[in-house]
């Protein structure tokens, strides 16, 4: 009997020792990868990710213990931050935590990187400025493209803003790795593509471009609809590759790709001719009083785009509490705009809009990338008063543009014109240019 007890005890001790060994190894924390900025701020690299990622400020040890510590003692484990961050599907997210030199969480973080480099296994360097900052708690998320997607490991170099000092030189698992890619092959130049009623011919390969953008001499545009040719079409172009990278900077992509896709999008210019079904004009309205915003509540659907014109506002701080519009006059003048997000009634996405000029906000249903709105404000004499303002604000499948205007001395009334401008997109598979970055 005693013999059996010793055997059982021995087995229990062995099991306990084995469990302790496994637990210690599982909870063993690698040292953090961190650097100290010139101002003493400590930046700790957390992870790279695609899509959405979760973050837990507790180490694995604390996270494990928190499941067993009674609620009344949880505070002794310290503050816990659990949150998620996301980036667009084609982007790479880089997450950092920010700390003071005393080792405390730094709540307010300013941009600290001048550029990011992704080093491809071929030796080519994807070099880009830093955008897509998103800071909350003591965390900062940066979204960037393009980057190598054919390499299972991602080589990242990050440089400090202001000094351009190398902060991080990391090699990490590549969350955007694509082991299987459907390859593209370049087409023979010249290439002609058709999207009725427009035909576009690419006359030169990328290596023959005289400028670092698509110039008039590189393409030929013809159309069976003369409205497309009476004025120079507005154009937009970008490059992409078979792995999913997109860039709006030429060249921007790896020259070791078998082919690039040159994407060209054309629209009629704002002074082109448009049909009645593409066009809508409101009535004329008196210029707004300096102390009062007028509710318009105009709604119209044009080519499937639902348009809502809620108010006509003077310069100043216009606030909306859901029932009443209030205007505070300020000394600020000019084209600057600032907004406060909120659950405004008439102003929808915003609770307060501060504009140095009179303005009309235009809300509309989210439209595809080929469709743009041309928004113009004119006075009773047909004189254009609106200034160019490309800022678009979106949320929950709706968007808003704030159109500012500057009345003339003779202006007494204003009218909003809305044009729904449908574009056309053309795709050309081209050979990458020979770049000096090739080894």
Protein backbone atom coordinates (compact mmCIF):
# COMPACT_ATOMS: atom_id res chain seq x y z
CA UNK A 1 0.00 0.00 0.00
CA UNK A 2 2.79 2.37 0.96
CA UNK A 3 4.56 1.50 -2.23
CA UNK A 4 1.53 2.58 -4.26
CA UNK A 5 1.26 5.84 -2.32
CA UNK A 6 4.89 6.69 -3.10
CA UNK A 7 4.33 5.90 -6.76
CA UNK A 8 1.25 8.14 -6.89
CA UNK A 9 3.07 10.91 -5.02
CA UNK A 10 6.01 10.64 -7.36
CA UNK A 11 3.76 10.85 -10.39
CA UNK A 12 2.02 13.91 -8.93
CA UNK A 13 5.34 15.60 -8.26
CA UNK A 14 6.55 14.82 -11.79
CA UNK A 15 3.29 16.18 -13.25
CA UNK A 16 3.56 19.30 -11.13
CA UNK A 17 7.18 19.84 -12.16
CA UNK A 18 6.32 19.30 -15.83
CA UNK A 19 3.33 21.69 -15.61
CA UNK A 20 5.51 24.30 -13.90
CA UNK A 21 8.17 23.91 -16.62
CA UNK A 22 5.57 24.32 -19.39
CA UNK A 23 3.90 27.27 -17.66
CA UNK A 24 7.19 29.10 -17.07
CA UNK A 25 8.25 28.62 -20.69
CA UNK A 26 4.87 29.71 -22.02
CA UNK A 27 4.83 32.81 -19.86
CA UNK A 28 8.45 33.76 -20.48
CA UNK A 29 8.41 37.26 -22.01
CA UNK A 30 10.89 38.30 -24.71
CA UNK A 31 12.53 41.65 -24.00
CA UNK A 32 10.67 44.56 -25.66
CA UNK A 33 12.09 46.18 -28.80
CA UNK A 34 12.30 49.86 -27.95
CA UNK A 35 14.26 53.03 -28.61
CA UNK A 36 14.57 56.44 -26.96
CA UNK A 37 13.73 59.47 -29.10
CA UNK A 38 15.75 62.69 -29.02
CA UNK A 39 13.22 64.24 -26.61
CA UNK A 40 13.48 61.32 -24.18
CA UNK A 41 10.24 59.64 -25.21
CA UNK A 42 10.46 55.84 -25.30
CA UNK A 43 8.89 54.11 -28.30
CA UNK A 44 8.24 50.40 -28.07
CA UNK A 45 7.57 48.37 -31.22
CA UNK A 46 4.55 46.11 -30.68
CA UNK A 47 3.64 44.41 -33.97
CA UNK A 48 2.88 44.63 -37.67
CA UNK A 49 -0.50 43.46 -38.89
CA UNK A 50 -3.03 43.30 -41.73
CA UNK A 51 -6.73 44.11 -41.27
CA UNK A 52 -7.66 44.24 -37.58
CA UNK A 53 -5.47 43.41 -34.60
CA UNK A 54 -6.08 43.23 -30.85
CA UNK A 55 -3.84 44.72 -28.19
CA UNK A 56 -3.54 43.79 -24.51
CA UNK A 57 -1.22 45.83 -22.30
CA UNK A 58 -0.88 42.93 -19.87
CA UNK A 59 2.01 40.57 -20.35
CA UNK A 60 1.14 36.91 -20.77
CA UNK A 61 2.00 36.39 -17.10
CA UNK A 62 -0.40 39.10 -15.92
CA UNK A 63 -3.08 38.00 -18.37
CA UNK A 64 -2.78 34.45 -17.02
CA UNK A 65 -2.90 35.57 -13.40
CA UNK A 66 -5.86 37.89 -13.99
CA UNK A 67 -8.02 34.83 -14.62
CA UNK A 68 -7.37 33.60 -11.07
CA UNK A 69 -7.02 36.78 -9.02
CA UNK A 70 -10.27 37.76 -7.23
CA UNK A 71 -11.96 40.89 -8.58
CA UNK A 72 -11.17 42.92 -5.45
CA UNK A 73 -7.46 42.38 -6.04
CA UNK A 74 -7.43 42.92 -9.83
CA UNK A 75 -6.32 46.56 -9.42
CA UNK A 76 -3.06 45.35 -7.91
CA UNK A 77 -2.08 43.99 -11.32
CA UNK A 78 -2.10 47.55 -12.69
CA UNK A 79 -4.07 49.31 -15.41
CA UNK A 80 -5.09 47.06 -18.29
CA UNK A 81 -5.70 48.37 -21.81
CA UNK A 82 -7.46 46.05 -24.23
CA UNK A 83 -8.39 47.51 -27.61
CA UNK A 84 -8.30 46.86 -31.35
CA UNK A 85 -6.78 48.69 -34.30
CA UNK A 86 -7.54 48.33 -37.98
CA UNK A 87 -6.18 49.36 -41.36
CA UNK A 88 -7.59 49.21 -44.88
CA UNK A 89 -7.35 45.76 -46.54
CA UNK A 90 -4.50 46.84 -48.84
CA UNK A 91 -2.43 48.42 -46.05
CA UNK A 92 0.12 47.25 -43.51
CA UNK A 93 -0.36 48.42 -39.93
CA UNK A 94 2.56 49.12 -37.59
CA UNK A 95 1.72 49.44 -33.88
CA UNK A 96 3.82 51.18 -31.22
CA UNK A 97 3.33 51.97 -27.55
CA UNK A 98 4.65 55.29 -26.29
CA UNK A 99 6.20 55.87 -22.84
CA UNK A 100 7.71 58.72 -20.88
CA UNK A 101 11.37 58.51 -19.88
CA UNK A 102 10.11 57.66 -16.37
CA UNK A 103 8.46 54.54 -17.79
CA UNK A 104 4.86 55.79 -17.58
CA UNK A 105 2.32 55.62 -20.35
CA UNK A 106 2.39 58.72 -22.55
CA UNK A 107 -1.17 59.65 -23.46
CA UNK A 108 -0.54 62.40 -26.04
CA UNK A 109 1.78 61.28 -28.82
CA UNK A 110 2.99 63.28 -31.81
CA UNK A 111 4.28 61.78 -35.07
CA UNK A 112 7.88 60.65 -34.56
CA UNK A 113 8.84 58.93 -37.85
CA UNK A 114 10.20 60.66 -40.96
CA UNK A 115 9.94 57.63 -43.22
CA UNK A 116 9.58 53.86 -43.36
CA UNK A 117 11.65 51.57 -45.55
CA UNK A 118 10.65 48.03 -46.46
CA UNK A 119 13.63 46.13 -47.86
CA UNK A 120 12.69 43.44 -50.37
CA UNK A 121 14.77 40.27 -50.61
CA UNK A 122 15.80 41.42 -54.12
CA UNK A 123 17.50 44.45 -52.56
CA UNK A 124 14.84 46.91 -53.74
CA UNK A 125 13.70 49.36 -51.05
CA UNK A 126 10.09 50.50 -50.76
CA UNK A 127 10.70 54.00 -49.42
CA UNK A 128 7.70 56.02 -48.28
CA UNK A 129 6.78 58.94 -46.12
CA UNK A 130 4.67 58.14 -43.09
CA UNK A 131 0.91 58.58 -43.10
CA UNK A 132 -2.19 57.15 -41.49
CA UNK A 133 -1.37 58.09 -37.88
CA UNK A 134 -3.96 57.01 -35.32
CA UNK A 135 -3.18 57.61 -31.64
CA UNK A 136 -5.19 56.61 -28.57
CA UNK A 137 -4.33 55.58 -25.00
CA UNK A 138 -0.54 55.40 -25.27
CA UNK A 139 -0.66 53.55 -28.59
CA UNK A 140 0.09 54.77 -32.08
CA UNK A 141 -0.96 52.95 -35.24
CA UNK A 142 0.62 53.78 -38.59
CA UNK A 143 -0.77 52.52 -41.90
CA UNK A 144 1.49 52.29 -44.92
CA UNK A 145 1.80 50.87 -48.43
CA UNK A 146 3.35 49.47 -50.53
CA UNK A 147 5.56 46.75 -49.03
CA UNK A 148 7.09 43.39 -50.09
CA UNK A 149 4.43 40.67 -50.16
CA UNK A 150 6.46 37.85 -51.74
CA UNK A 151 8.83 37.55 -48.74
CA UNK A 152 7.80 35.44 -45.71
CA UNK A 153 9.90 37.69 -43.47
CA UNK A 154 9.51 41.47 -43.52
CA UNK A 155 12.59 43.69 -43.19
CA UNK A 156 11.56 47.11 -41.81
CA UNK A 157 13.66 50.22 -41.19
CA UNK A 158 12.17 53.24 -39.40
CA UNK A 159 13.74 56.70 -39.13
CA UNK A 160 13.20 59.49 -36.62
CA UNK A 161 11.41 62.68 -37.59
CA UNK A 162 13.66 65.73 -37.39
CA UNK A 163 16.96 63.87 -37.14
CA UNK A 164 16.40 61.08 -39.71
CA UNK A 165 18.21 58.77 -37.26
CA UNK A 166 17.65 55.04 -37.78
CA UNK A 167 15.41 53.97 -34.90
CA UNK A 168 14.45 50.41 -35.75
CA UNK A 169 15.96 47.82 -38.07
CA UNK A 170 13.62 44.85 -37.68
CA UNK A 171 12.95 41.54 -39.37
CA UNK A 172 9.56 40.14 -38.44
CA UNK A 173 7.08 37.63 -39.79
CA UNK A 174 5.28 39.17 -42.78
CA UNK A 175 1.49 39.26 -42.19
CA UNK A 176 0.94 40.16 -45.85
CA UNK A 177 3.01 37.29 -47.25
CA UNK A 178 1.55 35.78 -50.40
CA UNK A 179 3.17 32.47 -51.35
CA UNK A 180 0.92 32.06 -54.40
CA UNK A 181 0.41 34.95 -56.79
CA UNK A 182 -1.45 34.93 -60.10
CA UNK A 183 1.21 36.53 -62.25
CA UNK A 184 0.63 39.32 -64.77
CA UNK A 185 2.31 39.65 -68.16
CA UNK A 186 2.96 43.00 -69.88
CA UNK A 187 1.10 43.86 -73.08
CA UNK A 188 2.82 45.13 -76.20
CA UNK A 189 2.96 48.92 -76.63
CA UNK A 190 0.88 50.68 -77.93
CA UNK A 191 -2.10 49.43 -75.90
CA UNK A 192 -5.69 50.51 -76.57
CA UNK A 193 -8.53 50.11 -74.06
CA UNK A 194 -12.19 51.02 -74.45
CA UNK A 195 -14.78 52.05 -71.85
CA UNK A 196 -17.69 53.43 -73.86
CA UNK A 197 -17.89 56.06 -75.13
CA UNK A 198 -14.15 56.65 -74.61
CA UNK A 199 -11.09 54.97 -76.15
CA UNK A 200 -7.62 55.48 -74.65
CA UNK A 201 -4.32 54.43 -76.27
CA UNK A 202 -1.14 54.23 -74.19
CA UNK A 203 1.54 55.26 -76.68
CA UNK A 204 4.67 54.82 -74.54
CA UNK A 205 5.94 52.31 -72.00
CA UNK A 206 6.77 53.50 -68.49
CA UNK A 207 10.48 53.54 -69.29
CA UNK A 208 9.81 56.09 -72.05
CA UNK A 209 7.85 58.53 -69.89
CA UNK A 210 9.64 61.89 -70.04
CA UNK A 211 8.06 62.93 -66.73
CA UNK A 212 7.26 61.13 -63.48
CA UNK A 213 3.57 61.19 -64.25
CA UNK A 214 1.19 60.45 -67.10
CA UNK A 215 1.53 63.35 -69.53
CA UNK A 216 -0.58 64.36 -72.53
CA UNK A 217 2.02 63.01 -74.96
CA UNK A 218 1.84 59.52 -73.38
CA UNK A 219 -1.82 58.83 -74.21
CA UNK A 220 -4.32 59.48 -76.97
CA UNK A 221 -8.01 59.94 -76.09
CA UNK A 222 -10.86 59.59 -78.57
CA UNK A 223 -14.60 59.36 -78.04
CA UNK A 224 -17.85 58.88 -79.93
CA UNK A 225 -19.38 61.44 -77.53
CA UNK A 226 -18.04 64.93 -78.37
CA UNK A 227 -18.79 66.15 -74.83
CA UNK A 228 -15.69 64.25 -73.67
CA UNK A 229 -13.38 66.07 -76.08
CA UNK A 230 -14.60 69.69 -76.11
CA UNK A 231 -12.64 70.28 -72.91
CA UNK A 232 -9.52 68.49 -71.63
CA UNK A 233 -10.70 65.51 -69.54
CA UNK A 234 -9.69 65.49 -65.89
CA UNK A 235 -7.40 62.53 -65.22
CA UNK A 236 -6.07 60.47 -62.34
CA UNK A 237 -3.59 57.58 -62.49
CA UNK A 238 -2.00 55.07 -60.14
CA UNK A 239 0.09 51.89 -60.31
CA UNK A 240 -0.56 48.44 -58.85
CA UNK A 241 1.03 44.99 -58.96
CA UNK A 242 -0.21 41.40 -58.85
CA UNK A 243 0.52 41.04 -55.11
CA UNK A 244 -1.95 43.78 -54.14
CA UNK A 245 0.35 46.78 -53.80
CA UNK A 246 -0.92 50.17 -54.96
CA UNK A 247 0.99 53.43 -55.25
CA UNK A 248 0.17 56.94 -56.42
CA UNK A 249 3.86 57.87 -56.56
CA UNK A 250 5.89 56.97 -59.66
CA UNK A 251 7.62 54.52 -59.72
CA UNK A 252 6.92 53.24 -56.16
CA UNK A 253 6.68 49.50 -56.94
CA UNK A 254 9.33 46.80 -57.15
CA UNK A 255 10.97 46.69 -60.60
CA UNK A 256 11.34 42.93 -60.12
CA UNK A 257 7.61 42.37 -60.65
CA UNK A 258 6.86 40.75 -64.05
CA UNK A 259 4.35 43.50 -64.82
CA UNK A 260 2.70 46.56 -63.34
CA UNK A 261 -0.81 47.76 -63.97
CA UNK A 262 -1.16 51.38 -65.01
CA UNK A 263 -4.66 52.47 -63.99
CA UNK A 264 -6.02 55.59 -65.70
CA UNK A 265 -9.32 57.21 -64.72
CA UNK A 266 -10.91 60.00 -66.75
CA UNK A 267 -13.77 62.40 -66.03
CA UNK A 268 -15.20 65.25 -68.03
CA UNK A 269 -13.91 68.56 -66.73
CA UNK A 270 -16.19 70.75 -64.62
CA UNK A 271 -16.81 73.12 -67.55
CA UNK A 272 -17.81 70.31 -69.93
CA UNK A 273 -21.38 69.75 -71.13
CA UNK A 274 -23.65 67.57 -68.98
CA UNK A 275 -27.13 66.24 -69.66
CA UNK A 276 -30.25 67.16 -67.66
CA UNK A 277 -30.22 63.81 -65.85
CA UNK A 278 -26.69 64.49 -64.55
CA UNK A 279 -27.48 68.01 -63.33
CA UNK A 280 -29.49 69.61 -60.51
CA UNK A 281 -29.93 73.23 -59.49
CA UNK A 282 -31.59 74.44 -56.32
CA UNK A 283 -33.70 77.56 -56.13
CA UNK A 284 -32.08 80.90 -55.39
CA UNK A 285 -31.84 81.79 -51.69
CA UNK A 286 -31.03 85.16 -50.08
CA UNK A 287 -27.53 85.46 -48.65
CA UNK A 288 -27.58 84.25 -45.04
CA UNK A 289 -27.76 86.76 -42.21
CA UNK A 290 -24.42 87.07 -40.34
CA UNK A 291 -26.15 85.81 -37.19
CA UNK A 292 -28.47 83.10 -38.50
CA UNK A 293 -28.18 79.81 -40.41
CA UNK A 294 -31.14 78.86 -42.60
CA UNK A 295 -32.52 75.32 -42.68
CA UNK A 296 -33.07 74.22 -46.28
CA UNK A 297 -33.76 70.47 -45.95
CA UNK A 298 -33.45 69.91 -49.71
CA UNK A 299 -33.32 66.33 -50.99
CA UNK A 300 -32.77 65.03 -54.51
CA UNK A 301 -31.63 61.81 -56.19
CA UNK A 302 -29.40 62.26 -59.25
CA UNK A 303 -28.23 59.16 -61.17
CA UNK A 304 -28.81 57.08 -58.05
CA UNK A 305 -26.89 59.42 -55.73
CA UNK A 306 -29.04 60.63 -52.82
CA UNK A 307 -28.24 64.29 -52.12
CA UNK A 308 -29.22 66.22 -48.99
CA UNK A 309 -28.63 69.96 -48.63
CA UNK A 310 -29.48 70.72 -44.98
CA UNK A 311 -28.54 74.36 -44.33
CA UNK A 312 -27.21 77.65 -45.71
CA UNK A 313 -24.82 79.16 -43.17
CA UNK A 314 -22.89 82.41 -42.66
CA UNK A 315 -19.26 82.62 -41.64
CA UNK A 316 -18.66 81.79 -38.00
CA UNK A 317 -19.10 78.91 -35.56
CA UNK A 318 -22.30 77.11 -36.49
CA UNK A 319 -23.47 74.58 -33.90
CA UNK A 320 -26.34 72.10 -34.06
CA UNK A 321 -27.81 70.54 -30.91
CA UNK A 322 -30.28 68.44 -32.89
CA UNK A 323 -33.12 70.96 -32.84
CA UNK A 324 -31.61 74.45 -33.10
CA UNK A 325 -28.87 76.02 -35.20
CA UNK A 326 -26.74 78.63 -33.42
CA UNK A 327 -24.19 81.00 -34.94
CA UNK A 328 -21.28 82.61 -33.10
CA UNK A 329 -19.44 85.29 -35.01
CA UNK A 330 -15.64 85.18 -34.89
CA UNK A 331 -12.81 87.35 -36.15
CA UNK A 332 -11.42 84.46 -38.22
CA UNK A 333 -11.89 84.93 -41.97
CA UNK A 334 -10.79 82.99 -45.01
CA UNK A 335 -11.14 79.51 -46.41
CA UNK A 336 -10.16 77.54 -43.29
CA UNK A 337 -12.64 75.01 -41.86
CA UNK A 338 -12.63 73.11 -38.57
CA UNK A 339 -15.26 70.66 -37.34
CA UNK A 340 -16.31 68.84 -34.23
CA UNK A 341 -17.78 65.38 -34.71
CA UNK A 342 -21.09 64.77 -33.05
CA UNK A 343 -24.71 63.80 -33.51
CA UNK A 344 -25.90 67.06 -35.02
CA UNK A 345 -29.40 67.05 -36.52
CA UNK A 346 -29.29 69.11 -39.70
CA UNK A 347 -25.49 68.92 -40.00
CA UNK A 348 -25.47 65.14 -39.68
CA UNK A 349 -21.85 64.14 -39.11
CA UNK A 350 -20.92 67.28 -37.18
CA UNK A 351 -22.08 69.08 -34.09
CA UNK A 352 -20.12 72.23 -34.89
CA UNK A 353 -18.58 73.69 -38.05
CA UNK A 354 -16.26 76.70 -37.87
CA UNK A 355 -15.82 78.42 -41.24
CA UNK A 356 -14.22 81.73 -42.16
CA UNK A 357 -16.61 82.04 -45.12
CA UNK A 358 -20.33 81.37 -45.68
CA UNK A 359 -20.93 77.72 -46.60
CA UNK A 360 -23.38 75.05 -47.67
CA UNK A 361 -22.80 71.47 -46.44
CA UNK A 362 -23.83 68.80 -48.92
CA UNK A 363 -24.51 65.26 -47.67
CA UNK A 364 -24.75 62.41 -50.17
CA UNK A 365 -24.88 58.63 -50.27
CA UNK A 366 -21.48 57.00 -50.72
CA UNK A 367 -20.72 56.53 -54.39
CA UNK A 368 -18.24 54.39 -56.28
CA UNK A 369 -14.74 55.65 -56.98
CA UNK A 370 -15.57 56.39 -60.62
CA UNK A 371 -18.21 58.96 -59.66
CA UNK A 372 -17.48 62.45 -58.40
CA UNK A 373 -19.72 65.38 -57.49
CA UNK A 374 -19.07 68.81 -58.98
CA UNK A 375 -20.50 71.36 -56.53
CA UNK A 376 -20.75 75.01 -57.54
CA UNK A 377 -22.39 78.02 -55.88
CA UNK A 378 -23.38 80.98 -58.10
CA UNK A 379 -25.11 84.25 -57.43
CA UNK A 380 -28.16 85.71 -59.17
CA UNK A 381 -25.91 86.98 -62.01
CA UNK A 382 -24.45 83.53 -62.70
CA UNK A 383 -21.08 84.48 -61.17
CA UNK A 384 -19.26 81.59 -59.56
CA UNK A 385 -18.77 82.27 -55.84
CA UNK A 386 -17.64 78.87 -54.50
CA UNK A 387 -13.99 78.18 -53.86
CA UNK A 388 -12.33 74.83 -54.50
CA UNK A 389 -12.50 72.67 -51.39
CA UNK A 390 -11.76 68.98 -51.91
CA UNK A 391 -12.29 67.91 -48.29
CA UNK A 392 -14.72 64.98 -48.05
CA UNK A 393 -15.84 63.50 -44.75
CA UNK A 394 -17.45 60.07 -44.59
CA UNK A 395 -19.21 57.83 -42.11
CA UNK A 396 -21.71 54.96 -42.30
CA UNK A 397 -22.02 54.88 -46.11
CA UNK A 398 -22.63 58.60 -46.37
CA UNK A 399 -20.32 61.49 -47.13
CA UNK A 400 -20.32 65.26 -46.72
CA UNK A 401 -18.65 68.09 -48.57
CA UNK A 402 -18.61 71.59 -47.12
CA UNK A 403 -18.76 74.12 -49.97
CA UNK A 404 -17.55 77.58 -49.00
CA UNK A 405 -18.34 80.66 -51.04
CA UNK A 406 -17.28 84.31 -51.15
CA UNK A 407 -20.07 86.72 -52.18
CA UNK A 408 -19.34 89.63 -54.49
CA UNK A 409 -20.45 93.15 -53.49
CA UNK A 410 -23.36 92.84 -55.96
CA UNK A 411 -24.39 89.34 -54.80
CA UNK A 412 -27.79 89.13 -53.13
CA UNK A 413 -28.84 85.51 -53.77
CA UNK A 414 -27.11 82.17 -54.14
CA UNK A 415 -27.87 78.90 -55.91
CA UNK A 416 -26.21 75.49 -55.57
CA UNK A 417 -25.46 73.44 -58.69
CA UNK A 418 -24.80 69.70 -58.38
CA UNK A 419 -23.35 67.61 -61.22
CA UNK A 420 -22.92 63.84 -60.92
CA UNK A 421 -19.85 63.18 -63.05
CA UNK A 422 -19.41 59.53 -64.05
CA UNK A 423 -15.84 58.61 -64.92
CA UNK A 424 -14.25 55.83 -66.95
CA UNK A 425 -11.34 53.60 -65.85
CA UNK A 426 -8.73 51.98 -68.12
CA UNK A 427 -6.15 49.34 -67.14
CA UNK A 428 -2.87 48.74 -68.98
CA UNK A 429 -0.45 45.91 -68.13
CA UNK A 430 3.02 47.31 -68.67
CA UNK A 431 6.64 46.29 -68.11
CA UNK A 432 8.32 47.98 -65.11
CA UNK A 433 10.94 50.57 -66.10
CA UNK A 434 14.61 49.81 -65.55
CA UNK A 435 15.44 51.54 -62.27
CA UNK A 436 18.78 52.48 -60.78
CA UNK A 437 17.83 50.52 -57.64
CA UNK A 438 18.42 47.21 -59.45
CA UNK A 439 21.61 45.55 -58.08
